[in-house]
Protein backbone atom coordinates (compact mmCIF):
# COMPACT_ATOMS: atom_id res chain seq x y z
CA MET A 1 -70.13 -31.89 -13.08
CA LYS A 2 -69.85 -29.44 -10.07
CA LYS A 3 -68.96 -25.58 -10.96
CA LEU A 4 -66.38 -24.17 -9.14
CA ALA A 5 -66.65 -20.76 -7.62
CA LEU A 6 -63.27 -18.56 -7.74
CA VAL A 7 -63.48 -16.34 -4.19
CA LEU A 8 -61.48 -13.45 -3.82
CA VAL A 9 -60.66 -12.61 -0.32
CA PHE A 10 -59.46 -9.12 0.42
CA ALA A 11 -57.61 -7.86 3.66
CA PHE A 12 -58.14 -4.55 4.78
CA VAL A 13 -56.66 -2.69 7.89
CA ALA A 14 -58.52 -0.05 9.48
CA LEU A 15 -56.43 2.77 10.45
CA PRO A 16 -57.95 4.67 13.62
CA ALA A 17 -58.11 8.61 12.55
CA PHE A 18 -55.13 10.04 13.94
CA ALA A 19 -56.05 13.06 16.62
CA GLN A 20 -53.43 15.78 17.09
CA VAL A 21 -50.86 14.78 19.58
CA GLY A 22 -48.83 17.88 20.82
CA ILE A 23 -47.37 19.84 17.77
CA PHE A 24 -47.70 16.81 15.63
CA GLU A 25 -51.09 16.70 13.61
CA ASN A 26 -50.06 13.51 11.49
CA SER A 27 -48.84 9.93 12.09
CA ALA A 28 -47.52 6.71 9.65
CA ASP A 29 -47.49 3.30 10.99
CA TRP A 30 -45.71 1.48 8.60
CA THR A 31 -46.24 -1.69 10.05
CA LEU A 32 -49.66 -1.78 9.04
CA GLU A 33 -49.01 -1.08 5.35
CA THR A 34 -48.42 -4.62 4.45
CA VAL A 35 -50.88 -7.21 5.87
CA ASP A 36 -47.90 -10.09 6.34
CA ASN A 37 -46.41 -7.30 8.71
CA VAL A 38 -49.31 -6.33 10.94
CA LYS A 39 -48.47 -7.30 14.11
CA ALA A 40 -49.58 -4.68 16.35
CA ALA A 41 -50.47 -1.02 15.74
CA GLY A 42 -48.01 1.92 17.16
CA SER A 43 -49.74 4.68 19.02
CA ALA A 44 -48.64 8.09 20.65
CA ASP A 45 -49.81 10.18 23.63
CA PHE A 46 -48.53 13.61 24.85
CA THR A 47 -49.10 14.15 29.03
CA ASN A 48 -47.15 16.44 30.89
CA ASP A 49 -45.10 17.65 28.36
CA ILE A 50 -43.62 14.27 27.31
CA TYR A 51 -44.38 12.36 23.80
CA THR A 52 -44.43 8.65 24.81
CA LEU A 53 -44.59 6.25 21.29
CA GLU A 54 -45.20 2.80 21.18
CA GLY A 55 -43.84 1.28 17.86
CA ASN A 56 -43.90 -2.12 16.36
CA GLY A 57 -42.01 -3.12 13.10
CA ASP A 58 -38.79 -5.02 11.94
CA ASP A 59 -36.89 -1.62 11.67
CA ILE A 60 -36.25 1.81 10.29
CA TRP A 61 -33.67 0.67 8.00
CA GLY A 62 -32.79 -0.94 4.60
CA ASN A 63 -35.32 0.29 1.54
CA ALA A 64 -38.65 0.67 3.47
CA ASP A 65 -39.02 1.53 7.17
CA GLU A 66 -41.50 -0.35 9.48
CA GLY A 67 -42.14 1.49 12.48
CA TYR A 68 -44.42 4.13 14.27
CA PHE A 69 -43.96 8.22 13.07
CA ILE A 70 -45.93 11.05 14.35
CA TYR A 71 -44.93 14.44 12.36
CA THR A 72 -46.08 17.91 11.14
CA THR A 73 -44.84 19.69 7.98
CA ARG A 74 -42.45 22.65 7.63
CA THR A 75 -40.57 24.07 4.39
CA GLY A 76 -36.95 25.30 4.21
CA SER A 77 -34.49 24.93 6.91
CA VAL A 78 -35.54 23.39 10.27
CA SER A 79 -34.43 21.70 13.27
CA ILE A 80 -35.91 19.46 15.89
CA THR A 81 -34.29 19.01 19.57
CA ALA A 82 -35.61 16.22 22.04
CA LEU A 83 -34.52 14.37 24.98
CA LEU A 84 -34.54 11.08 24.36
CA SER A 85 -35.31 8.33 26.72
CA TRP A 86 -36.62 4.77 26.68
CA LEU A 87 -39.64 3.25 28.66
CA ASP A 88 -39.74 -0.49 27.35
CA PRO A 89 -37.33 -1.06 24.29
CA GLY A 90 -38.34 -4.33 23.94
CA ALA A 91 -36.44 -7.46 23.35
CA ASN A 92 -34.22 -6.85 20.48
CA GLU A 93 -30.75 -4.61 20.61
CA TRP A 94 -31.51 -2.57 17.88
CA SER A 95 -35.06 -1.09 18.78
CA LYS A 96 -34.72 2.31 17.75
CA MET A 97 -36.34 5.92 18.81
CA ILE A 98 -35.22 8.61 16.52
CA ALA A 99 -35.87 12.43 15.91
CA MET A 100 -36.10 12.74 12.03
CA ILE A 101 -36.64 14.65 8.87
CA ARG A 102 -38.11 12.84 5.87
CA GLU A 103 -39.05 14.27 2.55
CA LYS A 104 -42.36 12.02 2.98
CA GLY A 105 -44.27 11.12 6.07
CA ASP A 106 -46.29 8.20 4.93
CA ALA A 107 -43.78 6.48 2.32
CA PRO A 108 -41.28 3.73 4.12
CA GLY A 109 -38.95 4.34 1.72
CA SER A 110 -38.48 8.09 1.78
CA LYS A 111 -35.38 10.14 2.12
CA HIS A 112 -34.71 10.94 5.93
CA PHE A 113 -32.21 11.83 8.06
CA GLY A 114 -32.40 11.45 12.13
CA GLY A 115 -30.65 11.08 15.18
CA GLN A 116 -31.27 7.68 16.96
CA LEU A 117 -30.83 6.38 20.30
CA ARG A 118 -30.58 2.23 20.36
CA GLY A 119 -32.53 0.09 22.59
CA ASN A 120 -29.93 -1.86 23.70
CA ASN A 121 -29.58 -2.17 27.50
CA TYR A 122 -32.16 1.03 27.46
CA GLY A 123 -29.93 2.88 25.08
CA ASP A 124 -26.32 2.53 24.90
CA GLN A 125 -25.17 4.21 21.49
CA VAL A 126 -26.33 7.25 19.91
CA ASN A 127 -26.33 7.16 15.85
CA ALA A 128 -26.99 9.28 13.07
CA THR A 129 -29.16 7.14 10.21
CA TRP A 130 -30.12 8.30 6.64
CA ARG A 131 -31.61 7.42 3.24
CA THR A 132 -30.48 9.66 0.64
CA GLN A 133 -32.61 8.22 -2.38
CA GLU A 134 -36.03 7.07 -2.02
CA ASP A 135 -36.27 3.53 -1.73
CA GLY A 136 -32.74 3.16 -1.50
CA GLY A 137 -30.32 1.70 1.13
CA SER A 138 -29.96 2.82 4.59
CA THR A 139 -26.67 3.78 6.34
CA SER A 140 -25.86 4.87 9.67
CA ALA A 141 -22.98 6.16 11.65
CA GLN A 142 -22.09 5.93 15.59
CA PHE A 143 -20.73 8.86 17.73
CA PHE A 144 -21.66 8.79 20.93
CA HIS A 145 -21.57 5.81 23.49
CA PRO A 146 -21.93 5.98 27.09
CA LYS A 147 -18.22 5.85 29.00
CA ALA A 148 -17.83 2.52 30.80
CA ASP A 149 -15.26 0.69 32.08
CA PRO A 150 -14.29 -1.43 30.32
CA ALA A 151 -15.03 1.01 27.62
CA ASP A 152 -16.66 -0.97 24.99
CA ALA A 153 -19.07 -2.56 27.21
CA ASP A 154 -22.61 -1.93 26.86
CA VAL A 155 -23.96 0.86 29.38
CA ALA A 156 -27.37 2.14 29.39
CA VAL A 157 -27.26 5.96 28.72
CA GLU A 158 -29.48 6.37 31.91
CA ALA A 159 -26.33 5.10 33.61
CA THR A 160 -24.19 7.91 33.34
CA VAL A 161 -27.08 10.97 32.12
CA GLU A 162 -30.61 11.46 32.29
CA GLY A 163 -31.43 10.16 28.68
CA ILE A 164 -29.68 11.59 25.65
CA TRP A 165 -30.34 15.11 23.99
CA VAL A 166 -30.34 14.66 20.02
CA ARG A 167 -30.71 17.79 17.71
CA VAL A 168 -31.30 17.31 14.02
CA THR A 169 -30.86 20.29 11.60
CA ARG A 170 -31.63 20.96 7.76
CA ILE A 171 -30.02 23.96 6.10
CA ALA A 172 -31.91 23.69 2.97
CA GLU A 173 -29.99 26.09 0.73
CA LEU A 174 -27.14 23.45 0.71
CA ASN A 175 -28.84 20.01 1.13
CA LEU A 176 -27.46 19.53 4.21
CA PHE A 177 -28.26 17.85 7.55
CA PHE A 178 -26.59 17.57 10.75
CA CYS A 179 -27.27 15.38 13.85
CA GLU A 180 -25.87 16.86 17.19
CA TRP A 181 -25.82 15.27 20.99
CA SER A 182 -25.95 16.58 24.22
CA GLU A 183 -25.93 15.39 28.02
CA ASP A 184 -27.67 18.40 29.19
CA GLY A 185 -29.51 20.20 26.45
CA SER A 186 -26.92 23.00 26.50
CA ASN A 187 -23.43 22.02 25.24
CA TRP A 188 -23.97 20.16 21.84
CA THR A 189 -21.55 18.12 20.24
CA LEU A 190 -21.58 17.79 16.23
CA GLY A 191 -22.07 14.11 15.75
CA ARG A 192 -22.54 14.03 11.72
CA VAL A 193 -23.20 16.07 8.56
CA GLU A 194 -24.70 14.77 5.25
CA GLU A 195 -25.86 16.27 1.82
CA ILE A 196 -29.17 14.78 1.12
CA GLU A 197 -31.26 16.47 -1.50
CA MET A 198 -35.15 16.83 -0.62
CA ALA A 199 -38.39 19.00 -1.90
CA ASP A 200 -38.15 22.18 0.13
CA GLU A 201 -41.30 20.89 1.76
CA VAL A 202 -40.56 18.08 4.58
CA VAL A 203 -41.78 16.45 7.38
CA VAL A 204 -40.42 16.77 10.87
CA GLY A 205 -41.40 14.35 13.76
CA LEU A 206 -40.57 11.37 16.29
CA ALA A 207 -40.42 7.82 15.30
CA VAL A 208 -39.98 4.25 17.14
CA THR A 209 -39.69 0.65 16.10
CA ASN A 210 -39.01 -2.57 18.02
CA HIS A 211 -37.15 -4.12 15.24
CA ILE A 212 -39.09 -7.50 15.59
CA ASN A 213 -41.62 -8.62 13.48
CA ASP A 214 -43.96 -10.02 16.77
CA GLU A 215 -46.59 -8.59 18.85
CA THR A 216 -44.56 -6.61 21.31
CA LEU A 217 -44.36 -2.94 21.15
CA ALA A 218 -41.08 -0.79 21.81
CA ILE A 219 -41.93 2.49 24.27
CA GLY A 220 -40.13 5.44 23.91
CA GLU A 221 -40.14 8.97 25.86
CA PHE A 222 -39.30 11.76 23.96
CA TYR A 223 -39.17 15.10 26.40
CA ASN A 224 -38.53 19.15 25.74
CA VAL A 225 -39.25 18.34 22.13
CA GLU A 226 -39.10 21.76 19.79
CA ILE A 227 -39.25 22.42 16.17
CA THR A 228 -37.47 25.40 15.56
CA ALA A 229 -35.29 27.68 13.10
CA PRO A 230 -31.94 26.22 12.57
CA PRO A 231 -29.39 27.18 15.71
CA THR A 232 -25.92 28.44 15.20
CA LEU A 233 -23.68 25.57 14.06
CA PRO A 234 -20.23 24.83 14.36
CA SER A 235 -18.12 24.92 11.30
CA SER A 236 -16.55 21.44 10.24
CA GLY A 237 -14.55 20.03 7.48
CA SER A 238 -13.27 17.09 5.30
CA ARG A 239 -10.00 15.94 3.96
CA ALA A 240 -9.82 14.26 0.70
CA PHE A 241 -6.83 12.57 -1.17
CA SER A 242 -6.26 12.47 -4.70
CA GLN A 243 -5.60 8.53 -4.50
CA GLY A 244 -6.13 5.92 -1.77
CA SER A 245 -2.69 4.89 -1.33
CA PHE A 246 0.85 5.77 -2.29
CA GLN A 247 4.03 4.28 -3.66
CA PRO A 248 7.74 6.17 -2.58
CA GLY A 249 7.92 9.73 -3.72
CA THR A 250 4.07 9.79 -4.90
CA GLU A 251 2.73 13.42 -4.98
CA ILE A 252 -0.62 13.44 -3.73
CA ALA A 253 -3.13 16.34 -3.63
CA VAL A 254 -5.00 17.01 -0.62
CA SER A 255 -8.11 19.26 -0.07
CA VAL A 256 -9.58 20.07 2.79
CA THR A 257 -13.31 21.44 2.46
CA VAL A 258 -14.52 24.02 5.46
CA LEU A 259 -18.06 24.34 5.96
CA ASN A 260 -19.78 27.00 7.49
CA PRO A 261 -23.51 26.42 7.56
CA ASN A 262 -24.83 29.89 9.21
CA GLN A 263 -25.43 32.87 6.97
CA ALA A 264 -22.72 34.89 8.32
CA ALA A 265 -19.24 34.77 7.51
CA ALA A 266 -16.98 33.02 10.14
CA SER A 267 -13.44 33.73 11.13
CA THR A 268 -11.87 30.52 11.05
CA SER A 269 -8.39 28.66 11.69
CA ILE A 270 -7.58 25.50 10.18
CA GLU A 271 -4.61 23.20 10.85
CA ASP A 272 -3.84 19.72 8.64
CA THR A 273 -0.48 17.96 9.78
CA VAL A 274 0.96 15.36 7.58
CA PRO A 275 2.57 11.98 8.39
CA THR A 276 6.22 12.14 9.29
CA GLY A 277 8.83 12.42 6.50
CA TRP A 278 6.32 13.77 4.21
CA THR A 279 6.99 17.24 2.44
CA VAL A 280 4.13 20.11 1.61
CA SER A 281 3.97 22.35 -1.48
CA ASP A 282 1.57 24.67 -3.51
CA ILE A 283 -0.14 25.53 -0.37
CA SER A 284 -3.29 27.75 -1.28
CA ASP A 285 -5.29 30.75 -0.04
CA GLY A 286 -1.94 32.24 1.81
CA GLY A 287 -1.36 29.22 3.99
CA SER A 288 1.71 28.46 5.52
CA GLU A 289 3.81 25.18 6.61
CA SER A 290 5.88 24.41 9.66
CA GLY A 291 6.93 21.23 11.24
CA GLY A 292 4.62 19.34 8.98
CA THR A 293 1.48 21.19 9.78
CA VAL A 294 -0.47 23.60 7.26
CA SER A 295 -1.81 26.37 8.85
CA TRP A 296 -4.85 28.97 7.67
CA ASN A 297 -6.43 31.90 9.08
CA VAL A 298 -9.29 32.42 6.66
CA SER A 299 -12.63 34.19 6.33
CA VAL A 300 -15.03 31.68 5.47
CA PRO A 301 -18.49 32.69 3.70
CA PHE A 302 -21.72 30.71 4.03
CA GLY A 303 -21.23 27.30 2.65
CA ASN A 304 -18.24 25.06 1.26
CA THR A 305 -14.94 26.53 1.11
CA THR A 306 -12.04 23.98 -0.54
CA LEU A 307 -8.22 24.87 0.59
CA THR A 308 -5.59 22.61 -0.83
CA TYR A 309 -1.97 21.67 -0.80
CA LYS A 310 0.21 18.88 -1.79
CA ALA A 311 2.54 16.46 0.00
CA THR A 312 5.19 14.12 -1.10
CA ALA A 313 5.43 10.78 0.37
CA PRO A 314 9.50 9.80 1.39
CA ALA A 315 11.72 7.33 0.10
CA ALA A 316 11.07 5.19 2.64
CA PRO A 317 7.29 5.76 4.14
CA ALA A 318 5.87 3.75 6.95
CA ALA A 319 3.19 1.08 5.82
CA VAL A 320 0.41 3.22 7.19
CA ASN A 321 0.58 7.32 7.11
CA SER A 322 -1.78 9.30 9.08
CA TRP A 323 -3.16 12.79 9.00
CA SER A 324 -4.89 14.81 11.52
CA GLY A 325 -6.13 18.37 11.64
CA THR A 326 -8.57 20.97 13.28
CA ILE A 327 -10.90 22.83 12.12
CA GLY A 328 -11.80 25.42 14.94
CA ASP A 329 -12.47 23.42 17.78
CA SER A 330 -13.43 20.38 15.96
CA ASN A 331 -11.35 17.77 14.44
CA THR A 332 -11.35 16.95 10.43
CA GLY A 333 -13.09 14.50 9.17
CA GLY A 334 -12.88 13.05 5.86
CA SER A 335 -9.85 10.36 4.78
CA ALA A 336 -7.09 10.33 7.78
CA VAL A 337 -4.66 7.45 6.63
CA MET A 338 -3.21 6.24 3.57
CA THR A 339 -1.57 2.64 3.06
CA LEU A 340 1.72 1.95 1.23
CA THR A 341 0.96 0.06 -2.29
CA GLN A 342 2.59 -3.01 -2.51
CA GLU A 343 3.57 -4.71 -6.15
CA GLY A 344 1.79 -7.82 -6.95
CA PRO A 345 2.84 -11.18 -5.45
CA GLU A 346 5.68 -13.19 -6.98
CA GLY A 347 4.48 -14.91 -10.02
CA ASP A 348 1.40 -13.61 -10.41
CA GLN A 349 1.04 -12.10 -14.29
CA THR A 350 -2.73 -11.01 -13.60
CA PHE A 351 -2.85 -8.27 -10.93
CA ASP A 352 0.01 -5.47 -10.52
CA GLN A 353 -0.57 -4.09 -7.04
CA HIS A 354 -2.28 -4.56 -3.67
CA ALA A 355 -3.17 -2.19 -0.75
CA ASP A 356 -5.47 -1.72 2.43
CA ILE A 357 -8.20 0.51 1.11
CA ILE A 358 -8.81 1.97 4.52
CA GLU A 359 -10.89 5.06 5.78
CA ASN A 360 -9.08 5.03 9.22
CA ILE A 361 -7.05 2.62 10.74
CA ASP A 362 -9.14 2.27 13.51
CA ASN A 363 -11.31 0.52 11.08
CA LEU A 364 -9.26 -2.49 10.68
CA GLY A 365 -8.04 -2.55 14.15
CA GLY A 366 -4.58 -0.98 14.41
CA GLU A 367 -1.67 -1.37 12.01
CA ASP A 368 -1.29 -5.03 13.77
CA PHE A 369 -3.93 -6.09 10.87
CA LEU A 370 -2.88 -4.72 7.48
CA GLY A 371 -3.63 -7.32 5.08
CA SER A 372 -1.41 -9.48 2.37
CA ALA A 373 -1.70 -11.23 -0.84
CA GLU A 374 0.15 -14.50 -2.06
CA TYR A 375 0.25 -16.47 -5.09
CA ASP A 376 0.95 -20.05 -5.53
CA THR A 377 1.67 -20.87 -9.08
CA GLU A 378 1.22 -24.84 -9.04
CA SER A 379 -2.32 -24.64 -7.48
CA ASP A 380 -3.18 -21.11 -9.63
CA THR A 381 -4.41 -20.04 -5.88
CA TYR A 382 -4.17 -16.56 -4.54
CA THR A 383 -4.39 -16.13 -0.70
CA LEU A 384 -5.83 -13.06 0.63
CA ALA A 385 -5.53 -11.47 4.23
CA GLY A 386 -8.21 -8.76 5.06
CA ALA A 387 -9.20 -7.16 8.03
CA GLY A 388 -11.50 -4.15 8.49
CA ASN A 389 -14.88 -3.45 9.66
CA ASP A 390 -16.81 -3.91 6.14
CA ILE A 391 -17.28 -3.05 2.34
CA TRP A 392 -20.43 -1.33 3.02
CA ALA A 393 -21.72 1.99 3.72
CA ASN A 394 -20.09 5.14 2.61
CA ALA A 395 -16.65 4.14 3.01
CA ASP A 396 -14.78 0.73 2.70
CA ASN A 397 -12.00 -1.07 4.93
CA PHE A 398 -10.40 -3.92 3.07
CA HIS A 399 -7.49 -5.44 1.35
CA PHE A 400 -7.42 -5.19 -2.37
CA LEU A 401 -5.33 -7.01 -5.07
CA TYR A 402 -5.97 -5.42 -8.56
CA THR A 403 -5.03 -4.21 -12.04
CA ALA A 404 -6.30 -1.12 -14.26
CA VAL A 405 -8.55 -2.37 -16.62
CA SER A 406 -10.37 -0.21 -19.50
CA GLY A 407 -13.37 -1.67 -21.46
CA ASP A 408 -15.65 -4.78 -20.82
CA PHE A 409 -14.65 -7.85 -19.16
CA ASN A 410 -15.02 -11.02 -17.03
CA ILE A 411 -13.51 -12.03 -14.05
CA GLU A 412 -13.71 -15.54 -12.68
CA ALA A 413 -12.46 -17.40 -9.54
CA LYS A 414 -13.88 -20.00 -6.70
CA ILE A 415 -13.97 -18.01 -3.51
CA ILE A 416 -13.32 -20.34 -0.49
CA HIS A 417 -12.95 -18.75 3.16
CA ASP A 418 -9.98 -20.30 5.10
CA GLU A 419 -11.99 -21.68 8.72
CA SER A 420 -8.10 -22.61 9.88
CA GLU A 421 -7.31 -20.95 13.37
CA ARG A 422 -5.45 -18.13 11.34
CA SER A 423 -8.59 -16.67 10.31
CA THR A 424 -9.85 -15.09 13.71
CA SER A 425 -12.92 -13.05 12.01
CA THR A 426 -15.88 -14.64 13.86
CA ASP A 427 -18.47 -12.63 11.81
CA ALA A 428 -21.08 -14.23 9.45
CA TRP A 429 -20.66 -11.18 7.18
CA ILE A 430 -16.98 -12.02 6.36
CA LYS A 431 -16.92 -10.98 2.37
CA GLY A 432 -14.63 -12.38 -0.53
CA MET A 433 -15.54 -10.36 -3.84
CA LEU A 434 -14.39 -10.15 -7.49
CA MET A 435 -14.95 -6.17 -7.47
CA GLY A 436 -14.58 -3.34 -9.96
CA ARG A 437 -13.64 0.16 -8.47
CA GLN A 438 -13.23 3.40 -10.05
CA ASN A 439 -10.57 4.69 -7.82
CA LEU A 440 -8.78 3.49 -4.67
CA SER A 441 -10.35 5.67 -2.13
CA ALA A 442 -12.35 4.15 0.63
CA GLY A 443 -15.36 5.54 -0.50
CA SER A 444 -15.11 4.82 -4.20
CA VAL A 445 -17.76 3.99 -6.98
CA ASN A 446 -17.45 0.16 -7.03
CA PHE A 447 -19.57 -3.02 -8.09
CA GLY A 448 -18.98 -6.64 -6.83
CA ASN A 449 -19.91 -10.05 -5.77
CA ARG A 450 -19.95 -10.93 -2.25
CA MET A 451 -19.85 -14.43 -0.69
CA ARG A 452 -20.62 -14.61 2.92
CA ARG A 453 -19.11 -17.36 5.22
CA ASP A 454 -22.27 -19.16 4.78
CA GLY A 455 -21.94 -18.96 0.87
CA GLN A 456 -24.68 -16.32 0.85
CA TYR A 457 -24.04 -14.76 -2.98
CA SER A 458 -25.53 -11.55 -4.01
CA TRP A 459 -23.93 -8.32 -5.65
CA GLN A 460 -23.43 -5.12 -3.65
CA MET A 461 -22.31 -1.63 -5.52
CA ARG A 462 -22.11 2.00 -4.45
CA ALA A 463 -23.30 4.48 -7.34
CA ALA A 464 -21.81 7.51 -6.09
CA GLN A 465 -18.35 8.55 -4.58
CA ASP A 466 -18.42 8.71 -0.81
CA GLY A 467 -22.24 7.44 -1.23
CA ALA A 468 -24.19 4.62 0.72
CA SER A 469 -23.85 1.11 -0.89
CA THR A 470 -26.63 -0.81 -1.97
CA SER A 471 -27.79 -4.41 -2.33
CA ASN A 472 -30.81 -6.57 -3.12
CA GLY A 473 -32.08 -8.44 -0.40
CA ASP A 474 -34.48 -10.54 -3.14
CA ASN A 475 -33.10 -13.68 -5.04
CA ARG A 476 -30.05 -14.29 -3.13
CA VAL A 477 -28.36 -17.62 -3.38
CA THR A 478 -26.67 -19.72 -0.27
CA PHE A 479 -24.73 -22.08 -1.70
CA SER A 480 -24.16 -24.01 1.85
CA THR A 481 -28.22 -24.64 1.19
CA GLU A 482 -28.04 -25.42 -2.49
CA GLY A 483 -25.95 -29.00 -1.59
CA TYR A 484 -22.42 -27.36 -2.14
CA PRO A 485 -19.48 -28.07 0.52
CA ALA A 486 -17.92 -25.13 2.07
CA GLU A 487 -14.61 -26.16 0.81
CA ASP A 488 -15.72 -26.38 -3.17
CA TYR A 489 -18.53 -23.51 -3.83
CA PRO A 490 -19.07 -23.03 -7.44
CA ARG A 491 -17.06 -20.71 -9.68
CA LEU A 492 -18.13 -17.41 -9.70
CA ARG A 493 -18.11 -14.51 -12.28
CA VAL A 494 -18.57 -10.84 -12.49
CA GLU A 495 -19.29 -9.30 -15.97
CA ARG A 496 -18.89 -5.47 -17.07
CA ARG A 497 -20.92 -4.76 -20.63
CA GLY A 498 -20.72 -0.91 -20.98
CA ASP A 499 -22.58 0.50 -18.15
CA ASP A 500 -24.16 -2.96 -17.47
CA TRP A 501 -22.98 -5.28 -14.23
CA SER A 502 -24.12 -8.63 -13.63
CA ILE A 503 -22.82 -11.67 -11.17
CA PHE A 504 -23.36 -15.30 -12.07
CA TYR A 505 -22.15 -19.03 -10.74
CA LYS A 506 -21.43 -22.09 -12.59
CA ASP A 507 -24.04 -24.80 -12.11
CA GLU A 508 -21.28 -27.28 -11.07
CA LEU A 509 -23.80 -29.84 -9.45
CA GLY A 510 -26.31 -29.46 -12.50
CA ASP A 511 -25.52 -29.20 -16.65
CA GLY A 512 -22.44 -26.83 -15.66
CA SER A 513 -24.11 -23.61 -17.32
CA TRP A 514 -23.71 -20.33 -16.11
CA VAL A 515 -26.56 -18.85 -14.08
CA GLN A 516 -27.11 -15.29 -13.33
CA VAL A 517 -28.01 -14.37 -9.85
CA GLN A 518 -30.33 -11.49 -9.47
CA GLU A 519 -30.97 -8.38 -12.01
CA THR A 520 -28.25 -6.64 -14.09
CA GLN A 521 -27.46 -3.33 -12.25
CA SER A 522 -26.69 -0.09 -14.36
CA LEU A 523 -23.31 1.68 -12.85
CA VAL A 524 -21.39 4.13 -14.67
CA MET A 525 -17.53 4.01 -14.24
CA GLN A 526 -15.16 6.11 -16.26
CA ASP A 527 -11.67 3.75 -17.78
CA PRO A 528 -9.87 2.94 -16.42
CA ILE A 529 -11.06 1.11 -13.46
CA TYR A 530 -9.41 -1.11 -10.99
CA VAL A 531 -10.61 -4.71 -11.16
CA GLY A 532 -9.30 -7.43 -8.77
CA LEU A 533 -10.06 -9.21 -5.53
CA ALA A 534 -10.93 -8.00 -2.27
CA VAL A 535 -11.48 -9.19 1.57
CA THR A 536 -12.66 -7.83 4.78
CA ALA A 537 -12.86 -9.46 7.93
CA HIS A 538 -16.11 -7.60 8.77
CA GLN A 539 -14.98 -7.19 12.59
CA LEU A 540 -12.14 -4.85 14.06
CA GLY A 541 -9.13 -6.25 15.31
CA SER A 542 -9.59 -9.54 13.15
CA ILE A 543 -8.07 -11.13 9.79
CA GLN A 544 -9.77 -13.00 7.34
CA TYR A 545 -8.06 -15.31 4.88
CA THR A 546 -9.57 -16.35 1.76
CA TRP A 547 -8.26 -18.09 -1.09
CA PHE A 548 -9.21 -17.27 -4.76
CA LYS A 549 -8.96 -20.16 -7.14
CA ASN A 550 -8.35 -20.40 -10.88
CA VAL A 551 -8.73 -16.59 -11.32
CA THR A 552 -9.20 -15.33 -15.00
CA LEU A 553 -9.78 -11.99 -16.08
CA GLU A 554 -10.70 -11.54 -19.62
CA VAL A 555 -10.20 -8.03 -21.13
CA LEU A 556 -13.18 -8.31 -24.19
CA ASN A 557 -12.48 -5.19 -25.92
CA PRO A 558 -9.11 -3.45 -24.67
CA VAL A 559 -8.13 0.01 -25.81
CA SER A 560 -4.66 -1.32 -27.04
CA ASP A 561 -6.72 -3.72 -29.82
CA TRP A 562 -7.62 -0.39 -31.79
CA THR A 563 -5.54 1.47 -34.12
CA LEU A 564 -6.53 4.96 -35.48
CA TYR A 565 -6.17 5.58 -39.22
């Protein structure tokens, strides 16, 4: 008998020693961390005051980054400025060149914040990009697109300006990060502010990814790179509502938070205008109201200052009610719109109300794309119509049919997307969901099971108010490849047990048992929460119709079942 020898084969990737390039003494080639993704090594050159980076890798995104990064170490508050211009963005529209600040240089899943130029058409938009938790999900926000005719055309930055300036700043004492852009390097526009807690020591540098797992390299050039103390930054602010939707006569608490990121106090004028017909009361800090506009003139110290007032809806409000405001010369960010809450559909014995939960009416595509909810008693089917760009990132935009629930529960339904002509969304990422939410604001903590157009099924959640959304790319189930016809996907379930949340589907092609999909997640919500059905079109200016068949909501330990003696 022959003896079999067990041979172990190890794969090692030899990384060349990194010689200092300009002001950067370190590098990380995240594509070379995993043997499966080795395609082409990145590189950096510094000639004639220009940093030229070549980068491979699937993306700087998700839970772990792939790309080429050069960096140096700094402590405390810091700012990096650079003029970004593509030499060769490669074949993928989402190749990226980024000026960024990271907590760790060599960790692909590090917390970070940066300003990026997208590769499409040699740079057609500038985004802020960030990760708030190590190995957590990533988020981005677009804030610059070159002017074009038509306005939504993809136009290269180089067609209107010679590259684009990006400045990324950290104010360590406040855990705040700022991303600004400029066409000339002198006149700056604030694009995004995010709160991210990092260690005092961080790394600052430049990165490139080609966004394709192949052997090509995207090549970006960074001009006029400087790492300095933070510049004088503009005051900014955000608006928040005590709830996300309303009924006639509802009184809403409104807060306007003003951020002064500079050490010296700033004399600041703030205005906030309520929707037509709303009345204002209880203005804080000596503010006044005239013609529906609340005004303050205050000295704002370093950090955040919150101003408040109350606004009451009229007896016959519009379906969509928009706020506007300014802090100095800047527009107020945060919540800008509230929608009218409607009673649950006729004949519905499960859900009390429905509303469009949105951050801004523009994130639906306009007032023509408000959603709806209907219930057919004969077929026991809910039909939800939802617009919105997504249920994701820091704020959701969708239609929600819901009721208040306390305690553990199961919610079940068959979810089937209507593919008839009335559903105008063409996006693969339409979502029908069974969901629990802490509140009715766009940025609420939430957990749900999402089902896409192709039947891909997985969980997603947001663990903190206005925080990033997360999901798990592993072990998703796609019903269209499991043998289920699109018109008859299996029954789905979301379970809450204390702080534990799980999703399931019923194995209707097998033994009929319930099958858990992905791992149970821990998420804290305070009772009561809102539980119900959700739909987003994942495409601006579109509507998606989705059926929820044979819905059941079983509350296992409602507070009303307990009697105190």
